[in-house]
Amino acid sequence: MYKIDQEKCIGCGMCVSVCPYGAIKIGTDGKAIIDQKKCQQCGKCAPICPMQVIKLIK
């Protein structure tokens, strides 16, 4: 499961643009949110994040 550190997320939307499953959206607070039901753990979001706040949690 991937998790986004909400305190450090700047809401740039880079992760949203690379997610092939539409699992990431920008919430009303301007921060990225991962829908765990849609996430297929492909890992495309983590390396594109300029703040490096997306981490794989086991």
PDB file of N, CA and C in Angstrom:
ATOM      1  N   MET A   1       0.842  -1.166   0.000  1.00  0.00           N
ATOM      2  CA  MET A   1       0.000   0.000   0.000  1.00  0.00           C
ATOM      3  C   MET A   1       0.899   1.246   0.000  1.00  0.00           C
ATOM      4  N   TYR A   2       0.550   2.199  -0.845  1.00  0.00           N
ATOM      5  CA  TYR A   2       1.262   3.469  -0.885  1.00  0.00           C
ATOM      6  C   TYR A   2       0.539   4.484  -0.017  1.00  0.00           C
ATOM      7  N   LYS A   3       1.316   5.326   0.634  1.00  0.00           N
ATOM      8  CA  LYS A   3       0.753   6.348   1.509  1.00  0.00           C
ATOM      9  C   LYS A   3       1.430   7.678   1.214  1.00  0.00           C
ATOM     10  N   ILE A   4       0.657   8.754   1.278  1.00  0.00           N
ATOM     11  CA  ILE A   4       1.167  10.102   1.049  1.00  0.00           C
ATOM     12  C   ILE A   4       1.234  10.838   2.383  1.00  0.00           C
ATOM     13  N   ASP A   5       2.395  11.421   2.671  1.00  0.00           N
ATOM     14  CA  ASP A   5       2.555  12.237   3.873  1.00  0.00           C
ATOM     15  C   ASP A   5       1.809  13.549   3.625  1.00  0.00           C
ATOM     16  N   GLN A   6       0.637  13.675   4.204  1.00  0.00           N
ATOM     17  CA  GLN A   6      -0.240  14.820   3.973  1.00  0.00           C
ATOM     18  C   GLN A   6       0.369  16.140   4.444  1.00  0.00           C
ATOM     19  N   GLU A   7       1.194  16.090   5.459  1.00  0.00           N
ATOM     20  CA  GLU A   7       1.796  17.317   5.981  1.00  0.00           C
ATOM     21  C   GLU A   7       2.818  17.903   5.009  1.00  0.00           C
ATOM     22  N   LYS A   8       3.467  17.046   4.228  1.00  0.00           N
ATOM     23  CA  LYS A   8       4.529  17.505   3.332  1.00  0.00           C
ATOM     24  C   LYS A   8       4.098  17.626   1.876  1.00  0.00           C
ATOM     25  N   CYS A   9       2.935  17.082   1.538  1.00  0.00           N
ATOM     26  CA  CYS A   9       2.439  17.133   0.157  1.00  0.00           C
ATOM     27  C   CYS A   9       2.148  18.583  -0.220  1.00  0.00           C
ATOM     28  N   ILE A  10       2.622  18.990  -1.415  1.00  0.00           N
ATOM     29  CA  ILE A  10       2.387  20.367  -1.875  1.00  0.00           C
ATOM     30  C   ILE A  10       1.246  20.445  -2.892  1.00  0.00           C
ATOM     31  N   GLY A  11       0.643  19.302  -3.207  1.00  0.00           N
ATOM     32  CA  GLY A  11      -0.513  19.288  -4.105  1.00  0.00           C
ATOM     33  C   GLY A  11      -0.195  19.657  -5.543  1.00  0.00           C
ATOM     34  N   CYS A  12       0.991  19.311  -6.006  1.00  0.00           N
ATOM     35  CA  CYS A  12       1.412  19.687  -7.362  1.00  0.00           C
ATOM     36  C   CYS A  12       0.669  18.924  -8.464  1.00  0.00           C
ATOM     37  N   GLY A  13       0.164  17.727  -8.132  1.00  0.00           N
ATOM     38  CA  GLY A  13      -0.594  16.935  -9.098  1.00  0.00           C
ATOM     39  C   GLY A  13       0.234  16.047  -9.998  1.00  0.00           C
ATOM     40  N   MET A  14       1.538  16.009  -9.800  1.00  0.00           N
ATOM     41  CA  MET A  14       2.386  15.148 -10.626  1.00  0.00           C
ATOM     42  C   MET A  14       1.976  13.677 -10.497  1.00  0.00           C
ATOM     43  N   CYS A  15       1.686  13.246  -9.291  1.00  0.00           N
ATOM     44  CA  CYS A  15       1.296  11.856  -9.061  1.00  0.00           C
ATOM     45  C   CYS A  15      -0.041  11.546  -9.738  1.00  0.00           C
ATOM     46  N   VAL A  16      -0.933  12.518  -9.722  1.00  0.00           N
ATOM     47  CA  VAL A  16      -2.240  12.351 -10.367  1.00  0.00           C
ATOM     48  C   VAL A  16      -2.051  12.107 -11.860  1.00  0.00           C
ATOM     49  N   SER A  17      -1.146  12.865 -12.457  1.00  0.00           N
ATOM     50  CA  SER A  17      -0.948  12.784 -13.906  1.00  0.00           C
ATOM     51  C   SER A  17      -0.297  11.482 -14.361  1.00  0.00           C
ATOM     52  N   VAL A  18       0.464  10.810 -13.492  1.00  0.00           N
ATOM     53  CA  VAL A  18       1.131   9.574 -13.912  1.00  0.00           C
ATOM     54  C   VAL A  18       0.405   8.300 -13.499  1.00  0.00           C
ATOM     55  N   CYS A  19      -0.609   8.413 -12.659  1.00  0.00           N
ATOM     56  CA  CYS A  19      -1.319   7.211 -12.193  1.00  0.00           C
ATOM     57  C   CYS A  19      -2.206   6.652 -13.307  1.00  0.00           C
ATOM     58  N   PRO A  20      -1.872   5.463 -13.806  1.00  0.00           N
ATOM     59  CA  PRO A  20      -2.667   4.890 -14.890  1.00  0.00           C
ATOM     60  C   PRO A  20      -4.018   4.332 -14.447  1.00  0.00           C
ATOM     61  N   TYR A  21      -4.259   4.263 -13.153  1.00  0.00           N
ATOM     62  CA  TYR A  21      -5.488   3.679 -12.631  1.00  0.00           C
ATOM     63  C   TYR A  21      -6.464   4.718 -12.080  1.00  0.00           C
ATOM     64  N   GLY A  22      -6.077   5.979 -12.126  1.00  0.00           N
ATOM     65  CA  GLY A  22      -6.949   7.030 -11.601  1.00  0.00           C
ATOM     66  C   GLY A  22      -7.157   6.930 -10.109  1.00  0.00           C
ATOM     67  N   ALA A  23      -6.157   6.402  -9.413  1.00  0.00           N
ATOM     68  CA  ALA A  23      -6.289   6.164  -7.975  1.00  0.00           C
ATOM     69  C   ALA A  23      -5.920   7.366  -7.125  1.00  0.00           C
ATOM     70  N   ILE A  24      -5.317   8.385  -7.731  1.00  0.00           N
ATOM     71  CA  ILE A  24      -4.878   9.543  -6.956  1.00  0.00           C
ATOM     72  C   ILE A  24      -5.641  10.775  -7.423  1.00  0.00           C
ATOM     73  N   LYS A  25      -6.102  11.520  -6.450  1.00  0.00           N
ATOM     74  CA  LYS A  25      -6.827  12.754  -6.734  1.00  0.00           C
ATOM     75  C   LYS A  25      -6.334  13.835  -5.775  1.00  0.00           C
ATOM     76  N   ILE A  26      -6.574  15.081  -6.124  1.00  0.00           N
ATOM     77  CA  ILE A  26      -6.281  16.186  -5.214  1.00  0.00           C
ATOM     78  C   ILE A  26      -7.556  16.467  -4.428  1.00  0.00           C
ATOM     79  N   GLY A  27      -7.452  16.398  -3.113  1.00  0.00           N
ATOM     80  CA  GLY A  27      -8.600  16.595  -2.248  1.00  0.00           C
ATOM     81  C   GLY A  27      -8.955  18.056  -2.078  1.00  0.00           C
ATOM     82  N   THR A  28      -9.986  18.304  -1.324  1.00  0.00           N
ATOM     83  CA  THR A  28     -10.463  19.665  -1.092  1.00  0.00           C
ATOM     84  C   THR A  28      -9.446  20.520  -0.329  1.00  0.00           C
ATOM     85  N   ASP A  29      -8.533  19.868   0.371  1.00  0.00           N
ATOM     86  CA  ASP A  29      -7.501  20.603   1.107  1.00  0.00           C
ATOM     87  C   ASP A  29      -6.272  20.891   0.244  1.00  0.00           C
ATOM     88  N   GLY A  30      -6.323  20.465  -1.037  1.00  0.00           N
ATOM     89  CA  GLY A  30      -5.217  20.715  -1.949  1.00  0.00           C
ATOM     90  C   GLY A  30      -4.104  19.697  -1.875  1.00  0.00           C
ATOM     91  N   LYS A  31      -4.328  18.607  -1.164  1.00  0.00           N
ATOM     92  CA  LYS A  31      -3.325  17.554  -1.005  1.00  0.00           C
ATOM     93  C   LYS A  31      -3.755  16.307  -1.775  1.00  0.00           C
ATOM     94  N   ALA A  32      -2.774  15.537  -2.223  1.00  0.00           N
ATOM     95  CA  ALA A  32      -3.062  14.308  -2.960  1.00  0.00           C
ATOM     96  C   ALA A  32      -3.587  13.224  -2.025  1.00  0.00           C
ATOM     97  N   ILE A  33      -4.532  12.458  -2.529  1.00  0.00           N
ATOM     98  CA  ILE A  33      -5.143  11.354  -1.778  1.00  0.00           C
ATOM     99  C   ILE A  33      -5.123  10.116  -2.665  1.00  0.00           C
ATOM    100  N   ILE A  34      -4.731   8.980  -2.102  1.00  0.00           N
ATOM    101  CA  ILE A  34      -4.736   7.722  -2.840  1.00  0.00           C
ATOM    102  C   ILE A  34      -5.964   6.912  -2.457  1.00  0.00           C
ATOM    103  N   ASP A  35      -6.730   6.513  -3.467  1.00  0.00           N
ATOM    104  CA  ASP A  35      -7.868   5.608  -3.254  1.00  0.00           C
ATOM    105  C   ASP A  35      -7.288   4.193  -3.262  1.00  0.00           C
ATOM    106  N   GLN A  36      -7.175   3.591  -2.100  1.00  0.00           N
ATOM    107  CA  GLN A  36      -6.527   2.287  -1.971  1.00  0.00           C
ATOM    108  C   GLN A  36      -7.256   1.181  -2.736  1.00  0.00           C
ATOM    109  N   LYS A  37      -8.549   1.353  -2.975  1.00  0.00           N
ATOM    110  CA  LYS A  37      -9.307   0.345  -3.724  1.00  0.00           C
ATOM    111  C   LYS A  37      -8.927   0.352  -5.203  1.00  0.00           C
ATOM    112  N   LYS A  38      -8.528   1.517  -5.720  1.00  0.00           N
ATOM    113  CA  LYS A  38      -8.139   1.629  -7.126  1.00  0.00           C
ATOM    114  C   LYS A  38      -6.646   1.416  -7.344  1.00  0.00           C
ATOM    115  N   CYS A  39      -5.836   1.674  -6.314  1.00  0.00           N
ATOM    116  CA  CYS A  39      -4.383   1.583  -6.431  1.00  0.00           C
ATOM    117  C   CYS A  39      -3.944   0.144  -6.703  1.00  0.00           C
ATOM    118  N   GLN A  40      -3.132  -0.036  -7.745  1.00  0.00           N
ATOM    119  CA  GLN A  40      -2.624  -1.354  -8.101  1.00  0.00           C
ATOM    120  C   GLN A  40      -1.152  -1.516  -7.727  1.00  0.00           C
ATOM    121  N   GLN A  41      -0.619  -0.569  -6.964  1.00  0.00           N
ATOM    122  CA  GLN A  41       0.754  -0.588  -6.469  1.00  0.00           C
ATOM    123  C   GLN A  41       1.782  -0.721  -7.590  1.00  0.00           C
ATOM    124  N   CYS A  42       1.549   0.018  -8.662  1.00  0.00           N
ATOM    125  CA  CYS A  42       2.474  -0.030  -9.800  1.00  0.00           C
ATOM    126  C   CYS A  42       3.766   0.733  -9.518  1.00  0.00           C
ATOM    127  N   GLY A  43       3.703   1.696  -8.592  1.00  0.00           N
ATOM    128  CA  GLY A  43       4.889   2.431  -8.204  1.00  0.00           C
ATOM    129  C   GLY A  43       5.268   3.611  -9.079  1.00  0.00           C
ATOM    130  N   LYS A  44       4.416   3.998 -10.006  1.00  0.00           N
ATOM    131  CA  LYS A  44       4.747   5.116 -10.890  1.00  0.00           C
ATOM    132  C   LYS A  44       4.672   6.465 -10.179  1.00  0.00           C
ATOM    133  N   CYS A  45       3.894   6.552  -9.137  1.00  0.00           N
ATOM    134  CA  CYS A  45       3.693   7.820  -8.445  1.00  0.00           C
ATOM    135  C   CYS A  45       4.871   8.235  -7.565  1.00  0.00           C
ATOM    136  N   ALA A  46       5.453   7.293  -6.862  1.00  0.00           N
ATOM    137  CA  ALA A  46       6.494   7.630  -5.886  1.00  0.00           C
ATOM    138  C   ALA A  46       7.714   8.330  -6.482  1.00  0.00           C
ATOM    139  N   PRO A  47       8.296   7.828  -7.572  1.00  0.00           N
ATOM    140  CA  PRO A  47       9.499   8.495  -8.075  1.00  0.00           C
ATOM    141  C   PRO A  47       9.250   9.852  -8.731  1.00  0.00           C
ATOM    142  N   ILE A  48       8.027  10.130  -9.145  1.00  0.00           N
ATOM    143  CA  ILE A  48       7.714  11.401  -9.816  1.00  0.00           C
ATOM    144  C   ILE A  48       7.457  12.527  -8.811  1.00  0.00           C
ATOM    145  N   CYS A  49       7.204  12.191  -7.568  1.00  0.00           N
ATOM    146  CA  CYS A  49       6.882  13.190  -6.541  1.00  0.00           C
ATOM    147  C   CYS A  49       8.113  14.052  -6.218  1.00  0.00           C
ATOM    148  N   PRO A  50       7.997  15.379  -6.461  1.00  0.00           N
ATOM    149  CA  PRO A  50       9.151  16.252  -6.201  1.00  0.00           C
ATOM    150  C   PRO A  50       9.500  16.387  -4.716  1.00  0.00           C
ATOM    151  N   MET A  51       8.537  16.128  -3.862  1.00  0.00           N
ATOM    152  CA  MET A  51       8.755  16.219  -2.420  1.00  0.00           C
ATOM    153  C   MET A  51       9.096  14.863  -1.805  1.00  0.00           C
ATOM    154  N   GLN A  52       8.997  13.815  -2.595  1.00  0.00           N
ATOM    155  CA  GLN A  52       9.278  12.439  -2.151  1.00  0.00           C
ATOM    156  C   GLN A  52       8.472  12.059  -0.903  1.00  0.00           C
ATOM    157  N   VAL A  53       7.166  12.336  -0.971  1.00  0.00           N
ATOM    158  CA  VAL A  53       6.294  12.059   0.167  1.00  0.00           C
ATOM    159  C   VAL A  53       5.403  10.826  -0.032  1.00  0.00           C
ATOM    160  N   ILE A  54       5.588  10.132  -1.155  1.00  0.00           N
ATOM    161  CA  ILE A  54       4.798   8.915  -1.394  1.00  0.00           C
ATOM    162  C   ILE A  54       5.666   7.716  -1.091  1.00  0.00           C
ATOM    163  N   LYS A  55       5.240   6.935  -0.124  1.00  0.00           N
ATOM    164  CA  LYS A  55       6.041   5.804   0.361  1.00  0.00           C
ATOM    165  C   LYS A  55       5.233   4.519   0.315  1.00  0.00           C
ATOM    166  N   LEU A  56       5.927   3.421   0.030  1.00  0.00           N
ATOM    167  CA  LEU A  56       5.323   2.102   0.078  1.00  0.00           C
ATOM    168  C   LEU A  56       5.333   1.633   1.530  1.00  0.00           C
ATOM    169  N   ILE A  57       4.141   1.346   2.043  1.00  0.00           N
ATOM    170  CA  ILE A  57       3.976   0.865   3.415  1.00  0.00           C
ATOM    171  C   ILE A  57       3.614  -0.608   3.334  1.00  0.00           C
ATOM    172  N   LYS A  58       4.358  -1.435   4.030  1.00  0.00           N
ATOM    173  CA  LYS A  58       4.092  -2.882   3.997  1.00  0.00           C
ATOM    174  C   LYS A  58       3.290  -3.314   5.188  1.00  0.00           C
TER     175      LYS A  58
END
